[in-house]
Amino acid sequence: MSRPEPPRSGAPGGVDEGSAALSPERAMALLEGAAIEVEGQIPWSSNIALLCRLRDAQGEMLAVYKPRRGERPLWDFAQGTLHLRELAAWRIDQALGWGLVPPTSLRDGPYGPGMLQAFIPHDPEEHYLEMAAPDPEAVARIAAFDLVINNADRKSGHVLRDEAGQLWAIDHGICFHVEPKLRTVIWELAGEPLAPDLLRDLRDLLAALRDPRSALRADLAPLLSVDEIRALGQRTAELLAAGAYPDPDPDRRMIPWPPV
């Protein structure tokens, strides 16, 4: 299989209907029902990630397809669950209303079931640690989001900036563990208080997680274990109680390797 470079924003080889510019409803329609054409493997991913073109009668867009069969076994995460965790992260982002995670779905694609996510056109050379003046409100949301989902791998390259300047958070396959796993390159907010609007959104999230009849609980049930959902609620409650971003734990490795 070929290994194409992901197209740069606005570069030849992209799509006329850029993924980041599509409405969420339009992107989801393509993710859930369009034909999937695999164009090649995205390099540098630890698990198999395929760049695809989705087409229907109304248009097309690029997407990233991560089949379950391409997930590398990990000692601390149940095998065959990484694609489910990716969708769970999108569900949490949707519940918070933060718009960080690109539209995401589960599909039975050319290489079996897996995750399908809208590709965000971006400059692949511009990762988080190289960004000049990233939107501070979006950075604050990403940092809080990673605390809630217990992100074990927030590398610099997992934060993208599209051509409009919006930040996006990707690669959430190793999240939601019941044990503390947070590893991130975003530590500049340590000790800072959470903004009132973030606290409000987190309170709403916690209420949905604690309601066994909520739509969010129904959405998460096939994606995460009962213990993982319980731990998700506990982390959210603890973050609300603290009201601030934590300091790194000096007894744990708190930055992913490699950091980019």
Protein backbone atom coordinates (compact mmCIF):
# COMPACT_ATOMS: atom_id res chain seq x y z
CA MET A 1 0.00 0.00 0.00
CA SER A 2 1.24 3.49 -0.83
CA ARG A 3 2.06 5.97 1.93
CA PRO A 4 0.96 9.41 0.74
CA GLU A 5 1.71 12.58 2.66
CA PRO A 6 -1.55 14.03 4.02
CA PRO A 7 -2.50 16.93 1.73
CA ARG A 8 -1.63 20.37 3.03
CA SER A 9 -4.44 22.83 3.51
CA GLY A 10 -5.34 24.25 0.11
CA ALA A 11 -2.74 22.14 -1.68
CA PRO A 12 -3.39 20.10 -4.82
CA GLY A 13 -4.64 16.67 -3.86
CA GLY A 14 -7.07 18.01 -1.26
CA VAL A 15 -10.81 18.10 -1.80
CA ASP A 16 -13.02 20.87 -3.09
CA GLU A 17 -15.29 20.46 -0.08
CA GLY A 18 -12.79 20.72 2.82
CA SER A 19 -13.64 18.59 5.83
CA ALA A 20 -13.21 21.44 8.29
CA ALA A 21 -15.56 23.67 6.27
CA LEU A 22 -18.41 21.18 6.10
CA SER A 23 -21.35 21.45 8.46
CA PRO A 24 -21.32 18.73 11.14
CA GLU A 25 -24.51 17.31 9.65
CA ARG A 26 -23.00 17.08 6.18
CA ALA A 27 -19.79 15.54 7.47
CA MET A 28 -21.72 12.95 9.46
CA ALA A 29 -23.84 12.06 6.42
CA LEU A 30 -20.66 11.30 4.48
CA LEU A 31 -19.07 9.41 7.36
CA GLU A 32 -22.12 7.24 7.90
CA GLY A 33 -23.23 6.56 4.35
CA ALA A 34 -20.73 7.53 1.64
CA ALA A 35 -18.61 5.07 -0.31
CA ILE A 36 -15.12 4.64 1.15
CA GLU A 37 -12.14 4.76 -1.23
CA VAL A 38 -8.80 4.06 0.48
CA GLU A 39 -6.04 6.26 -0.98
CA GLY A 40 -3.12 5.10 1.15
CA GLN A 41 -1.61 4.76 4.60
CA ILE A 42 -0.90 7.82 6.72
CA PRO A 43 2.74 7.63 7.87
CA TRP A 44 4.06 7.92 11.44
CA SER A 45 0.97 6.43 13.07
CA SER A 46 1.61 3.68 15.66
CA ASN A 47 -1.63 1.99 14.54
CA ILE A 48 -2.85 1.55 10.98
CA ALA A 49 -4.42 4.83 9.82
CA LEU A 50 -5.66 5.09 6.24
CA LEU A 51 -6.45 8.24 4.30
CA CYS A 52 -9.78 7.78 2.50
CA ARG A 53 -12.00 9.69 0.17
CA LEU A 54 -15.72 9.60 0.91
CA ARG A 55 -18.10 10.21 -1.98
CA ASP A 56 -21.83 10.50 -2.39
CA ALA A 57 -24.11 12.11 -4.95
CA GLN A 58 -23.69 15.55 -3.32
CA GLY A 59 -19.91 15.67 -2.99
CA GLU A 60 -16.88 14.27 -1.22
CA MET A 61 -14.39 14.78 1.60
CA LEU A 62 -11.28 13.17 3.04
CA ALA A 63 -11.45 10.99 6.14
CA VAL A 64 -9.16 8.92 8.34
CA TYR A 65 -10.06 5.25 8.68
CA LYS A 66 -8.57 3.22 11.54
CA PRO A 67 -9.62 -0.42 11.24
CA ARG A 68 -9.78 -2.50 14.40
CA ARG A 69 -7.53 -5.14 12.83
CA GLY A 70 -4.74 -2.55 12.55
CA GLU A 71 -4.67 -1.72 16.28
CA ARG A 72 -1.35 -2.54 17.93
CA PRO A 73 -1.84 -4.63 21.11
CA LEU A 74 -1.17 -2.75 24.36
CA TRP A 75 -0.60 -4.27 27.78
CA ASP A 76 -2.89 -1.82 29.59
CA PHE A 77 -5.80 -1.38 27.16
CA ALA A 78 -8.15 -4.14 26.08
CA GLN A 79 -7.33 -5.35 22.58
CA GLY A 80 -9.67 -4.23 19.82
CA THR A 81 -11.11 -1.26 21.75
CA LEU A 82 -9.08 1.70 20.49
CA HIS A 83 -11.52 2.60 17.72
CA LEU A 84 -14.36 2.52 20.26
CA ARG A 85 -12.46 4.94 22.50
CA GLU A 86 -12.05 7.32 19.57
CA LEU A 87 -15.81 7.47 19.17
CA ALA A 88 -16.30 7.82 22.93
CA ALA A 89 -14.02 10.89 22.89
CA TRP A 90 -16.15 12.45 20.17
CA ARG A 91 -19.29 11.70 22.19
CA ILE A 92 -17.83 13.46 25.23
CA ASP A 93 -16.77 16.44 23.12
CA GLN A 94 -20.28 16.64 21.69
CA ALA A 95 -21.80 16.50 25.17
CA LEU A 96 -19.53 19.34 26.28
CA GLY A 97 -20.25 21.34 23.13
CA TRP A 98 -16.60 22.25 22.69
CA GLY A 99 -16.11 21.30 19.03
CA LEU A 100 -12.60 19.90 19.49
CA VAL A 101 -12.86 16.44 17.94
CA PRO A 102 -13.61 16.09 14.22
CA PRO A 103 -16.88 14.32 13.35
CA THR A 104 -16.39 10.62 14.05
CA SER A 105 -18.29 7.44 13.31
CA LEU A 106 -17.88 3.67 13.33
CA ARG A 107 -18.02 1.94 9.96
CA ASP A 108 -17.44 -1.48 8.49
CA GLY A 109 -14.88 -0.40 5.91
CA PRO A 110 -12.71 -2.16 3.33
CA TYR A 111 -10.53 -3.69 6.10
CA GLY A 112 -13.33 -4.45 8.52
CA PRO A 113 -14.95 -2.46 11.33
CA GLY A 114 -13.15 0.60 12.59
CA MET A 115 -13.27 4.31 13.23
CA LEU A 116 -13.92 6.82 10.47
CA GLN A 117 -13.17 10.49 11.20
CA ALA A 118 -13.27 13.63 9.09
CA PHE A 119 -9.77 14.61 7.96
CA ILE A 120 -8.84 18.17 8.93
CA PRO A 121 -6.84 19.95 6.20
CA HIS A 122 -3.77 21.38 7.91
CA ASP A 123 -0.06 22.03 7.56
CA PRO A 124 1.58 18.81 8.85
CA GLU A 125 4.71 20.76 9.82
CA GLU A 126 2.74 22.92 12.28
CA HIS A 127 2.18 20.92 15.44
CA TYR A 128 1.16 22.37 18.81
CA LEU A 129 4.65 23.15 20.12
CA GLU A 130 5.45 24.98 16.88
CA MET A 131 2.25 27.06 16.75
CA ALA A 132 2.47 30.81 17.10
CA ALA A 133 -0.30 32.14 19.36
CA PRO A 134 -2.80 29.24 19.31
CA ASP A 135 -6.29 30.23 20.44
CA PRO A 136 -5.99 30.31 24.27
CA GLU A 137 -9.66 29.40 24.81
CA ALA A 138 -9.30 26.32 22.61
CA VAL A 139 -6.08 25.35 24.40
CA ALA A 140 -7.89 25.64 27.75
CA ARG A 141 -10.67 23.39 26.48
CA ILE A 142 -8.23 20.77 25.14
CA ALA A 143 -6.36 20.70 28.45
CA ALA A 144 -9.59 20.20 30.41
CA PHE A 145 -10.85 17.64 27.89
CA ASP A 146 -7.69 15.56 28.28
CA LEU A 147 -8.08 15.58 32.06
CA VAL A 148 -11.63 14.29 31.81
CA ILE A 149 -10.96 11.55 29.26
CA ASN A 150 -7.62 10.62 30.88
CA ASN A 151 -5.67 11.04 27.66
CA ALA A 152 -2.50 8.96 27.77
CA ASP A 153 -1.05 10.39 24.55
CA ARG A 154 -1.61 14.12 23.87
CA LYS A 155 1.36 14.54 21.59
CA SER A 156 2.09 17.89 19.98
CA GLY A 157 1.16 16.42 16.60
CA HIS A 158 -2.28 15.51 17.91
CA VAL A 159 -3.34 19.17 17.92
CA LEU A 160 -4.07 20.51 14.44
CA ARG A 161 -4.85 24.03 13.23
CA ASP A 162 -6.99 24.31 10.12
CA GLU A 163 -6.82 27.06 7.52
CA ALA A 164 -9.35 29.15 9.47
CA GLY A 165 -7.21 29.00 12.62
CA GLN A 166 -9.44 26.58 14.54
CA LEU A 167 -7.70 24.01 16.75
CA TRP A 168 -8.71 20.36 16.56
CA ALA A 169 -7.82 17.46 18.85
CA ILE A 170 -7.25 14.03 17.28
CA ASP A 171 -5.99 10.53 18.18
CA HIS A 172 -7.94 9.43 21.25
CA GLY A 173 -7.47 5.67 21.07
CA ILE A 174 -5.69 5.38 24.40
CA CYS A 175 -8.02 7.30 26.67
CA PHE A 176 -10.59 6.46 29.37
CA HIS A 177 -8.43 4.07 31.40
CA VAL A 178 -9.62 3.62 34.99
CA GLU A 179 -6.09 4.29 36.32
CA PRO A 180 -4.36 7.69 36.03
CA LYS A 181 -2.68 7.79 32.62
CA LEU A 182 -2.55 11.47 31.69
CA ARG A 183 0.40 12.30 29.43
CA THR A 184 0.33 15.59 27.55
CA VAL A 185 2.53 18.35 26.17
CA ILE A 186 0.04 20.99 27.35
CA TRP A 187 1.14 21.90 30.88
CA GLU A 188 1.32 25.68 30.69
CA LEU A 189 -2.06 26.02 32.43
CA ALA A 190 -1.03 24.03 35.52
CA GLY A 191 -2.38 25.72 38.65
CA GLU A 192 -4.61 28.11 36.70
CA PRO A 193 -8.34 28.27 37.53
CA LEU A 194 -10.84 26.84 35.05
CA ALA A 195 -12.93 29.47 33.29
CA PRO A 196 -16.57 29.78 34.44
CA ASP A 197 -17.94 28.60 31.09
CA LEU A 198 -15.80 25.45 31.24
CA LEU A 199 -17.01 24.74 34.77
CA ARG A 200 -20.60 25.12 33.60
CA ASP A 201 -20.08 22.69 30.72
CA LEU A 202 -18.34 20.20 33.01
CA ARG A 203 -21.23 20.36 35.48
CA ASP A 204 -23.65 19.55 32.65
CA LEU A 205 -21.43 16.66 31.58
CA LEU A 206 -21.31 15.28 35.10
CA ALA A 207 -25.08 15.44 35.40
CA ALA A 208 -25.44 13.43 32.17
CA LEU A 209 -22.87 10.87 33.31
CA ARG A 210 -24.67 10.40 36.63
CA ASP A 211 -28.08 9.95 35.01
CA PRO A 212 -28.45 6.26 34.04
CA ARG A 213 -31.23 7.22 31.62
CA SER A 214 -29.31 9.95 29.79
CA ALA A 215 -28.64 9.76 26.06
CA LEU A 216 -24.92 10.13 26.78
CA ARG A 217 -24.88 7.05 29.02
CA ALA A 218 -26.69 5.11 26.30
CA ASP A 219 -24.13 6.27 23.73
CA LEU A 220 -21.15 5.32 25.91
CA ALA A 221 -22.45 1.91 27.06
CA PRO A 222 -21.31 -0.03 23.95
CA LEU A 223 -17.98 1.84 23.79
CA LEU A 224 -16.57 1.77 27.34
CA SER A 225 -16.78 -0.60 30.28
CA VAL A 226 -18.95 0.14 33.30
CA ASP A 227 -15.82 0.84 35.35
CA GLU A 228 -14.46 3.21 32.69
CA ILE A 229 -17.71 5.19 32.62
CA ARG A 230 -17.69 5.37 36.42
CA ALA A 231 -14.07 6.58 36.41
CA LEU A 232 -14.95 9.17 33.76
CA GLY A 233 -17.59 10.62 36.07
CA GLN A 234 -15.19 10.55 39.02
CA ARG A 235 -12.49 12.45 37.12
CA THR A 236 -15.05 15.05 36.05
CA ALA A 237 -16.25 15.47 39.64
CA GLU A 238 -12.67 15.81 40.91
CA LEU A 239 -11.82 18.43 38.31
CA LEU A 240 -14.93 20.41 39.25
CA ALA A 241 -14.07 20.18 42.93
CA ALA A 242 -10.52 21.41 42.29
CA GLY A 243 -11.69 24.19 39.96
CA ALA A 244 -8.18 24.41 38.51
CA TYR A 245 -5.76 22.60 36.24
CA PRO A 246 -3.51 20.22 38.19
CA ASP A 247 0.26 20.37 38.44
CA PRO A 248 2.23 17.50 36.91
CA ASP A 249 2.79 14.56 39.24
CA PRO A 250 6.55 14.47 39.92
CA ASP A 251 6.38 10.70 40.47
CA ARG A 252 4.92 9.90 37.03
CA ARG A 253 5.99 10.43 33.43
CA MET A 254 3.55 13.16 32.40
CA ILE A 255 4.75 13.88 28.85
CA PRO A 256 4.24 11.36 26.01
CA TRP A 257 7.20 9.94 24.14
CA PRO A 258 7.95 11.02 21.56
CA PRO A 259 6.37 14.38 22.42
CA VAL A 260 5.61 15.16 18.76
